[in-house]
N, C-alpha and C. Protein backbone atom coordinates (compact mmCIF):
# COMPACT_ATOMS: atom_id res chain seq x y z
N MET A 1 91.78 92.57 113.13
CA MET A 1 90.95 93.20 111.73
C MET A 1 91.40 92.48 110.58
N ASN A 2 90.67 92.23 109.30
CA ASN A 2 90.61 91.50 108.89
C ASN A 2 91.55 92.16 106.90
N ILE A 3 92.02 92.96 107.82
CA ILE A 3 92.10 93.13 106.30
C ILE A 3 94.28 93.00 106.26
N LYS A 4 94.52 92.46 105.42
CA LYS A 4 95.38 92.72 105.30
C LYS A 4 96.42 93.16 104.83
N LYS A 5 98.14 93.00 104.16
CA LYS A 5 98.35 94.37 103.21
C LYS A 5 98.21 92.87 101.06
N ASN A 6 98.10 94.14 100.67
CA ASN A 6 97.23 93.90 99.51
C ASN A 6 96.35 93.40 98.89
N ASP A 7 95.12 93.84 100.45
CA ASP A 7 93.76 93.82 100.23
C ASP A 7 93.10 94.86 99.55
N THR A 8 91.99 94.81 98.84
CA THR A 8 91.32 95.64 97.55
C THR A 8 90.89 96.28 98.97
N VAL A 9 90.74 97.52 98.77
CA VAL A 9 89.64 98.17 99.77
C VAL A 9 88.57 99.93 99.58
N ILE A 10 87.61 99.70 100.50
CA ILE A 10 87.03 100.63 100.18
C ILE A 10 86.54 101.76 101.26
N VAL A 11 87.20 102.94 100.77
CA VAL A 11 87.11 104.41 101.50
C VAL A 11 85.93 103.93 102.22
N LEU A 12 85.21 104.45 103.84
CA LEU A 12 83.55 104.40 104.09
C LEU A 12 83.25 105.70 104.17
N SER A 13 84.14 106.84 105.28
CA SER A 13 83.89 107.49 105.53
C SER A 13 85.02 109.02 105.66
N GLY A 14 84.73 109.83 105.28
CA GLY A 14 85.70 110.92 105.70
C GLY A 14 86.57 111.32 103.81
N LYS A 15 87.04 112.53 103.97
CA LYS A 15 87.19 113.75 103.25
C LYS A 15 87.70 112.10 101.14
N ASP A 16 87.99 111.08 102.02
CA ASP A 16 88.10 110.32 100.40
C ASP A 16 86.94 109.46 100.46
N LYS A 17 86.51 109.31 100.85
CA LYS A 17 84.91 107.89 100.79
C LYS A 17 84.87 108.25 99.50
N GLY A 18 84.39 106.17 99.65
CA GLY A 18 84.40 106.24 98.23
C GLY A 18 85.18 105.43 97.54
N VAL A 19 87.06 106.00 97.46
CA VAL A 19 87.95 105.70 97.08
C VAL A 19 88.39 104.52 96.65
N LYS A 20 88.37 103.71 95.38
CA LYS A 20 89.25 102.24 96.18
C LYS A 20 91.27 102.29 96.53
N GLY A 21 91.80 101.74 97.01
CA GLY A 21 92.62 101.60 96.95
C GLY A 21 93.43 100.39 97.45
N LYS A 22 94.23 99.72 97.43
CA LYS A 22 95.22 99.26 97.76
C LYS A 22 96.43 99.00 99.06
N VAL A 23 95.94 97.86 100.36
CA VAL A 23 96.62 98.41 100.95
C VAL A 23 98.51 97.95 100.92
N LEU A 24 99.19 99.86 101.32
CA LEU A 24 100.45 98.67 101.65
C LEU A 24 100.90 98.08 102.63
N VAL A 25 100.33 99.07 103.82
CA VAL A 25 100.82 98.84 105.39
C VAL A 25 100.17 98.48 106.08
N ALA A 26 99.29 97.46 106.51
CA ALA A 26 98.74 96.87 107.97
C ALA A 26 99.20 96.81 109.42
N MET A 27 98.44 97.86 109.94
CA MET A 27 98.93 98.00 111.59
C MET A 27 98.13 97.81 112.83
N PRO A 28 97.64 96.47 113.02
CA PRO A 28 97.18 95.78 113.61
C PRO A 28 96.69 95.68 115.51
N ALA A 29 98.43 96.49 115.34
CA ALA A 29 97.67 96.42 116.52
C ALA A 29 97.55 98.24 117.59
N GLU A 30 97.62 99.10 116.59
CA GLU A 30 97.41 100.07 116.55
C GLU A 30 95.64 100.75 115.77
N ASN A 31 95.86 99.38 114.93
CA ASN A 31 94.23 98.84 114.58
C ASN A 31 94.23 100.40 113.07
N LYS A 32 95.32 100.67 112.17
CA LYS A 32 95.26 101.10 111.45
C LYS A 32 95.53 101.14 110.36
N VAL A 33 95.65 101.76 109.01
CA VAL A 33 95.85 100.59 107.75
C VAL A 33 96.50 101.95 106.70
N ILE A 34 97.27 102.26 105.58
CA ILE A 34 98.04 103.13 104.87
C ILE A 34 97.41 102.56 103.72
N VAL A 35 96.84 102.79 103.34
CA VAL A 35 95.81 103.09 101.23
C VAL A 35 96.76 103.99 100.46
N GLU A 36 96.98 102.61 98.96
CA GLU A 36 97.28 104.11 98.04
C GLU A 36 96.99 104.87 97.67
N LYS A 37 97.11 106.30 97.51
CA LYS A 37 96.66 107.46 97.34
C LYS A 37 94.97 107.64 98.39
N VAL A 38 95.72 107.79 99.79
CA VAL A 38 94.01 107.64 100.21
C VAL A 38 95.15 108.35 101.40
N ASN A 39 94.07 109.76 102.06
CA ASN A 39 95.34 110.19 103.44
C ASN A 39 96.09 110.55 102.91
N VAL A 40 96.37 111.99 102.12
CA VAL A 40 97.80 112.42 101.42
C VAL A 40 97.81 113.76 102.25
N ALA A 41 98.73 113.36 102.64
CA ALA A 41 99.83 115.09 103.50
C ALA A 41 100.89 115.10 102.36
N THR A 42 100.98 116.62 102.55
CA THR A 42 102.03 116.96 101.95
C THR A 42 102.81 117.41 102.82
N CYS A 43 104.36 117.17 102.58
CA CYS A 43 106.24 116.95 103.90
C CYS A 43 106.99 117.69 103.26
N HIS A 44 107.04 119.03 104.08
CA HIS A 44 108.37 119.68 103.50
C HIS A 44 109.13 119.12 104.58
N THR A 45 110.39 119.00 103.29
CA THR A 45 111.96 117.96 103.94
C THR A 45 112.94 118.84 103.64
N LYS A 46 113.60 118.83 104.15
CA LYS A 46 115.47 119.59 104.11
C LYS A 46 116.41 118.38 103.79
N PRO A 47 117.15 119.41 103.16
CA PRO A 47 118.04 118.51 102.42
C PRO A 47 119.38 118.18 103.18
N ARG A 48 119.41 116.93 103.74
CA ARG A 48 120.01 116.88 104.97
C ARG A 48 121.43 116.45 105.10
N ARG A 49 121.64 115.70 103.92
CA ARG A 49 123.20 115.58 102.84
C ARG A 49 123.48 116.15 102.20
N GLN A 50 125.21 116.93 101.85
CA GLN A 50 125.51 117.19 100.95
C GLN A 50 124.31 116.94 99.24
N GLY A 51 124.53 117.67 98.27
CA GLY A 51 123.36 116.91 96.90
C GLY A 51 122.36 116.14 97.61
N GLU A 52 121.83 115.83 98.59
CA GLU A 52 120.37 115.54 98.68
C GLU A 52 119.35 116.25 98.16
N THR A 53 118.29 116.91 97.53
CA THR A 53 116.92 117.94 97.47
C THR A 53 116.57 117.70 98.42
N GLY A 54 116.35 118.57 99.20
CA GLY A 54 114.65 118.80 99.40
C GLY A 54 113.49 119.17 98.66
N GLY A 55 111.95 119.46 99.03
CA GLY A 55 111.47 120.37 98.41
C GLY A 55 109.59 119.65 99.36
N ILE A 56 109.16 119.61 98.23
CA ILE A 56 107.48 118.80 98.67
C ILE A 56 107.26 117.37 98.62
N VAL A 57 106.67 116.79 99.55
CA VAL A 57 106.08 115.73 99.04
C VAL A 57 105.30 114.94 99.51
N LYS A 58 104.24 114.75 98.89
CA LYS A 58 103.23 113.87 99.11
C LYS A 58 103.64 112.44 100.13
N LYS A 59 103.06 112.04 100.93
CA LYS A 59 103.15 110.60 101.74
C LYS A 59 101.29 110.29 101.88
N GLU A 60 101.59 109.17 101.32
CA GLU A 60 100.14 108.15 102.62
C GLU A 60 100.43 107.88 103.57
N THR A 61 99.19 109.19 105.15
CA THR A 61 99.18 108.85 105.99
C THR A 61 98.22 107.48 106.80
N PRO A 62 98.32 106.97 108.03
CA PRO A 62 97.68 106.04 108.09
C PRO A 62 96.23 106.35 108.27
N ILE A 63 94.94 106.05 108.46
CA ILE A 63 93.74 105.92 108.66
C ILE A 63 93.38 104.74 109.34
N ARG A 64 92.37 105.02 109.85
CA ARG A 64 91.45 104.07 110.60
C ARG A 64 90.52 103.20 110.51
N ALA A 65 91.29 101.54 111.01
CA ALA A 65 90.91 100.13 109.75
C ALA A 65 89.54 100.43 110.12
N CYS A 66 88.77 100.95 110.72
CA CYS A 66 87.41 100.46 110.64
C CYS A 66 86.38 101.57 109.80
N LYS A 67 87.26 102.54 108.81
CA LYS A 67 86.62 103.01 107.78
C LYS A 67 87.19 102.31 106.47
N VAL A 68 87.88 101.86 106.07
CA VAL A 68 87.70 100.76 105.29
C VAL A 68 86.88 99.50 105.37
N ALA A 69 86.61 99.53 104.00
CA ALA A 69 86.52 97.58 103.92
C ALA A 69 86.84 96.86 103.00
N LEU A 70 86.72 95.65 102.65
CA LEU A 70 87.16 94.77 101.61
C LEU A 70 86.25 95.26 100.67
N PHE A 71 87.29 95.24 99.33
CA PHE A 71 86.02 95.15 98.31
C PHE A 71 86.22 93.94 97.76
N CYS A 72 85.31 93.22 97.46
CA CYS A 72 84.77 91.64 96.45
C CYS A 72 84.38 92.36 95.04
N ASP A 73 84.68 91.57 94.07
CA ASP A 73 85.02 92.04 93.37
C ASP A 73 83.88 91.46 92.18
N LYS A 74 83.06 90.36 92.47
CA LYS A 74 81.94 89.94 92.05
C LYS A 74 80.73 90.68 92.60
N CYS A 75 80.98 91.04 93.34
CA CYS A 75 79.74 92.37 94.49
C CYS A 75 79.90 93.48 93.66
N GLY A 76 81.04 94.49 93.86
CA GLY A 76 81.54 95.60 92.74
C GLY A 76 81.85 96.51 94.04
N LYS A 77 81.42 96.17 95.82
CA LYS A 77 81.01 97.04 97.00
C LYS A 77 81.96 96.43 98.03
N GLY A 78 82.34 97.58 98.60
CA GLY A 78 82.53 96.96 100.03
C GLY A 78 81.46 96.04 100.58
N VAL A 79 82.41 95.31 101.74
CA VAL A 79 81.47 93.72 102.34
C VAL A 79 82.21 93.70 103.31
N ARG A 80 81.63 92.96 104.42
CA ARG A 80 82.37 91.65 105.48
C ARG A 80 82.54 90.98 104.56
N VAL A 81 82.75 90.60 105.64
CA VAL A 81 84.50 89.39 106.02
C VAL A 81 83.31 88.44 105.87
N ALA A 82 83.23 87.09 106.01
CA ALA A 82 83.30 86.09 106.82
C ALA A 82 84.09 84.66 107.05
N HIS A 83 84.32 83.87 108.25
CA HIS A 83 85.68 83.00 107.17
C HIS A 83 85.05 81.46 107.33
N LYS A 84 85.71 81.02 106.57
CA LYS A 84 85.61 79.56 106.08
C LYS A 84 86.97 78.59 106.55
N ILE A 85 86.68 77.07 106.80
CA ILE A 85 87.23 76.54 106.08
C ILE A 85 87.76 75.70 105.21
N VAL A 86 88.66 75.35 104.28
CA VAL A 86 88.68 74.76 103.22
C VAL A 86 89.91 74.01 102.71
N ASP A 87 89.84 72.83 102.95
CA ASP A 87 91.36 71.74 103.22
C ASP A 87 92.28 72.08 104.42
N GLY A 88 91.17 72.07 105.63
CA GLY A 88 92.02 72.71 106.23
C GLY A 88 92.83 73.70 107.09
N LYS A 89 92.90 75.06 105.24
CA LYS A 89 92.96 76.24 105.68
C LYS A 89 91.76 77.06 106.39
N LYS A 90 91.97 78.22 107.13
CA LYS A 90 90.47 79.22 107.28
C LYS A 90 90.92 79.90 105.78
N VAL A 91 89.89 80.42 105.72
CA VAL A 91 89.60 81.51 104.25
C VAL A 91 88.74 82.49 104.60
N ARG A 92 89.06 83.84 104.46
CA ARG A 92 87.96 84.64 104.33
C ARG A 92 86.64 84.80 102.48
N VAL A 93 85.70 85.14 102.92
CA VAL A 93 85.05 84.58 102.78
C VAL A 93 84.25 85.52 102.30
N CYS A 94 83.48 86.76 101.34
CA CYS A 94 82.79 88.06 100.69
C CYS A 94 81.01 86.99 101.63
N CYS A 95 80.71 88.04 102.75
CA CYS A 95 79.57 88.03 103.08
C CYS A 95 78.25 88.03 102.51
N LYS A 96 78.42 88.63 101.42
CA LYS A 96 77.36 88.41 100.64
C LYS A 96 77.26 87.61 99.70
N CYS A 97 77.92 87.25 98.93
CA CYS A 97 78.37 86.12 97.58
C CYS A 97 78.78 85.07 97.93
N GLY A 98 79.69 84.58 98.62
CA GLY A 98 80.29 83.70 99.62
C GLY A 98 81.87 83.74 98.28
N ALA A 99 82.05 84.50 97.91
CA ALA A 99 83.76 84.68 96.78
C ALA A 99 83.97 84.24 97.67
N GLU A 100 85.24 83.80 97.66
CA GLU A 100 86.44 83.58 98.10
C GLU A 100 87.31 85.23 98.06
N ILE A 101 88.38 85.97 98.87
CA ILE A 101 88.29 87.15 99.41
C ILE A 101 90.47 86.86 98.82
């Protein structure tokens, strides 16, 4: 999985197709990511302690990592990722323009 926390991604399919957002959590073991303002579910919560308020809370839920692509600022769209070694470090680069992501 080439997607990490704080990456900017674009959704490729589903009800949120075309939405751009930041990755909040990456779960490589499950091959899922949680993206900001994407796949939002409403949860009805009950107050558990005295003084706590209940109500309807909107919460982002995980989506499969194959449904998102990294967003390249230079290209302006979702792109695939290649890897290059620069100064002894492995770096992710855009396949189309070669810009570092």
